[in-house]
Amino acid sequence: MLRRTLFHPLYASRVPLPGAKNLFVDKHNPEKSFHVDFLFDVTQSCGPSSTGKTHIISATSWFRSIGATKASIKLHCFIKPEKAKEGIDLRLLKEAFDKGNHANRMKGLQITLENEKWIRCSIGLNGNVGQSKSGHSTMIAMTSGLVQFDETGIFLGIQCSGS
């Protein structure tokens, strides 16, 4: 079963992204560094999705601004309910990261596993991986569809855009 806690010692060095669930931003200043890191704890639960088909681990719900930059991010990470009931097998998650099968699905971003349960998404804010489908903005970083981490039942989707 996924745990839901309000405090974790690692949160102290990270700032929650306003309006997002279980998504934190490293405290470095993205306006000056043109780089931002987002982190979330895969053992945390934000409850079931509105349809009940998945269990939310981390989500922005829609695009959220990244500080005072002109960039915004949309992120959703979820797990299938049957896997959530079993509990996340952190050993399988580490094996999935070690294999690196997800790397070819990343455009303009890099993800890493830290402290066995934190996923770090590193994005260079000056990237350009093409136009958005609407053509109104430039995609800075994205996953090609949903990325599944092998047999863990965890899926991740990211879109980061700028004007």
Protein backbone atom coordinates (compact mmCIF):
# COMPACT_ATOMS: atom_id res chain seq x y z
CA MET A 1 0.00 0.00 0.00
CA LEU A 2 1.27 3.49 -0.81
CA ARG A 3 1.99 5.78 2.12
CA ARG A 4 0.74 9.32 2.46
CA THR A 5 2.70 11.56 4.81
CA LEU A 6 2.78 15.31 5.26
CA PHE A 7 6.44 15.62 6.25
CA HIS A 8 9.57 14.00 5.00
CA PRO A 9 13.12 15.18 5.86
CA LEU A 10 14.07 15.47 2.17
CA TYR A 11 11.23 17.99 1.59
CA ALA A 12 13.14 20.58 3.63
CA SER A 13 15.55 21.32 0.76
CA ARG A 14 12.82 21.44 -1.90
CA VAL A 15 9.94 23.80 -2.61
CA PRO A 16 6.50 22.42 -3.54
CA LEU A 17 5.32 23.49 -7.00
CA PRO A 18 2.16 25.54 -6.35
CA GLY A 19 -1.00 23.74 -7.43
CA ALA A 20 0.76 20.39 -7.96
CA LYS A 21 0.51 17.18 -5.97
CA ASN A 22 3.72 15.61 -4.59
CA LEU A 23 5.92 17.65 -6.96
CA PHE A 24 8.87 19.66 -5.72
CA VAL A 25 11.32 22.06 -7.33
CA ASP A 26 14.96 22.31 -6.27
CA LYS A 27 15.61 25.69 -4.68
CA HIS A 28 18.11 26.89 -7.28
CA ASN A 29 16.84 29.87 -9.28
CA PRO A 30 15.56 28.75 -12.73
CA GLU A 31 15.31 32.36 -13.93
CA LYS A 32 19.10 32.67 -13.71
CA SER A 33 20.29 29.11 -14.32
CA PHE A 34 18.01 28.17 -17.28
CA HIS A 35 17.79 24.73 -15.71
CA VAL A 36 15.22 23.26 -13.34
CA ASP A 37 14.90 19.98 -11.45
CA PHE A 38 11.57 18.53 -10.39
CA LEU A 39 11.37 15.72 -7.85
CA PHE A 40 8.68 13.45 -6.52
CA ASP A 41 8.54 10.53 -4.10
CA VAL A 42 7.11 7.40 -5.74
CA THR A 43 6.03 5.98 -2.36
CA GLN A 44 3.56 8.82 -1.77
CA SER A 45 -0.10 8.57 -2.74
CA CYS A 46 -2.30 11.41 -3.91
CA GLY A 47 -5.32 9.11 -4.10
CA PRO A 48 -7.23 7.62 -7.01
CA SER A 49 -7.72 9.44 -10.30
CA SER A 50 -11.15 10.92 -11.05
CA THR A 51 -12.04 7.82 -13.08
CA GLY A 52 -10.63 5.42 -10.49
CA LYS A 53 -8.60 3.59 -13.15
CA THR A 54 -5.24 4.68 -11.70
CA HIS A 55 -3.64 5.82 -8.44
CA ILE A 56 -1.93 9.24 -8.65
CA ILE A 57 1.66 9.47 -7.43
CA SER A 58 2.40 13.00 -8.66
CA ALA A 59 0.50 15.43 -10.88
CA THR A 60 0.18 19.04 -11.93
CA SER A 61 -3.41 18.54 -13.22
CA TRP A 62 -2.65 21.01 -16.02
CA PHE A 63 0.27 23.25 -17.05
CA ARG A 64 1.91 25.03 -14.09
CA SER A 65 4.26 28.01 -14.38
CA ILE A 66 7.89 27.48 -13.46
CA GLY A 67 8.69 30.47 -11.25
CA ALA A 68 9.00 33.75 -13.16
CA THR A 69 10.19 32.01 -16.33
CA LYS A 70 7.99 31.85 -19.43
CA ALA A 71 8.06 28.05 -19.17
CA SER A 72 5.38 25.76 -17.80
CA ILE A 73 5.20 22.05 -17.00
CA LYS A 74 2.55 19.39 -17.12
CA LEU A 75 3.50 16.18 -15.32
CA HIS A 76 1.55 13.11 -14.32
CA CYS A 77 2.84 9.97 -12.70
CA PHE A 78 0.49 7.18 -11.77
CA ILE A 79 0.33 3.51 -10.92
CA LYS A 80 -2.26 0.88 -11.71
CA PRO A 81 -4.50 0.16 -8.67
CA GLU A 82 -3.52 -3.52 -8.44
CA LYS A 83 0.17 -2.55 -8.24
CA ALA A 84 -0.63 0.18 -5.69
CA LYS A 85 -2.32 -2.41 -3.44
CA GLU A 86 0.76 -4.67 -3.65
CA GLY A 87 3.02 -1.73 -2.84
CA ILE A 88 5.75 -0.35 -5.06
CA ASP A 89 8.67 -2.72 -5.39
CA LEU A 90 11.58 -0.30 -5.08
CA ARG A 91 13.99 -3.05 -6.16
CA LEU A 92 12.13 -3.38 -9.48
CA LEU A 93 12.14 0.41 -9.88
CA LYS A 94 15.92 0.51 -9.38
CA GLU A 95 16.34 -2.31 -11.92
CA ALA A 96 14.19 -0.39 -14.42
CA PHE A 97 16.40 2.70 -14.00
CA ASP A 98 19.56 0.61 -14.26
CA LYS A 99 18.35 -0.88 -17.56
CA GLY A 100 17.60 2.60 -18.90
CA ASN A 101 14.92 1.44 -21.35
CA HIS A 102 13.04 4.69 -20.73
CA ALA A 103 15.91 6.95 -21.88
CA ASN A 104 15.02 6.81 -25.58
CA ARG A 105 11.53 8.14 -24.73
CA MET A 106 12.91 11.37 -23.22
CA LYS A 107 13.31 14.54 -25.28
CA GLY A 108 15.11 17.49 -23.69
CA LEU A 109 15.07 16.01 -20.22
CA GLN A 110 16.83 13.46 -18.10
CA ILE A 111 15.35 11.44 -15.27
CA THR A 112 17.25 9.73 -12.50
CA LEU A 113 16.38 7.75 -9.38
CA GLU A 114 17.67 9.15 -6.08
CA ASN A 115 17.64 7.62 -2.61
CA GLU A 116 15.79 4.59 -4.05
CA LYS A 117 12.39 6.34 -4.23
CA TRP A 118 12.77 9.90 -5.54
CA ILE A 119 12.53 10.52 -9.27
CA ARG A 120 14.40 13.63 -10.43
CA CYS A 121 13.41 15.21 -13.76
CA SER A 122 16.12 17.60 -15.00
CA ILE A 123 15.10 20.06 -17.72
CA GLY A 124 17.16 22.69 -19.53
CA LEU A 125 14.77 25.63 -20.01
CA ASN A 126 16.48 26.81 -23.20
CA GLY A 127 15.74 23.53 -25.03
CA ASN A 128 13.66 23.14 -28.17
CA VAL A 129 12.26 19.75 -29.17
CA GLY A 130 9.72 21.19 -31.62
CA GLN A 131 6.42 23.04 -31.74
CA SER A 132 3.42 22.06 -29.65
CA LYS A 133 0.54 20.38 -31.48
CA SER A 134 -1.38 23.67 -31.44
CA GLY A 135 1.65 25.54 -32.80
CA HIS A 136 1.29 28.27 -30.14
CA SER A 137 4.35 27.35 -28.10
CA THR A 138 7.72 25.65 -28.26
CA MET A 139 8.13 22.33 -26.50
CA ILE A 140 11.19 22.56 -24.25
CA ALA A 141 11.07 18.94 -23.07
CA MET A 142 8.71 15.97 -23.18
CA THR A 143 8.27 12.26 -22.95
CA SER A 144 7.15 10.42 -26.07
CA GLY A 145 3.78 9.32 -24.74
CA LEU A 146 3.65 7.65 -21.36
CA VAL A 147 6.83 6.02 -20.16
CA GLN A 148 6.35 2.75 -18.26
CA PHE A 149 9.05 1.62 -15.86
CA ASP A 150 9.12 -2.08 -16.73
CA GLU A 151 7.08 -4.27 -14.36
CA THR A 152 6.64 -1.66 -11.60
CA GLY A 153 3.24 -0.51 -12.93
CA ILE A 154 4.45 3.12 -12.75
CA PHE A 155 3.81 5.43 -15.72
CA LEU A 156 5.18 8.94 -16.28
CA GLY A 157 4.25 11.65 -18.76
CA ILE A 158 5.89 15.10 -18.98
CA GLN A 159 5.39 18.12 -21.22
CA CYS A 160 7.35 21.33 -20.68
CA SER A 161 6.64 24.30 -22.93
CA GLY A 162 7.71 27.91 -23.33
CA SER A 163 6.31 30.83 -25.26
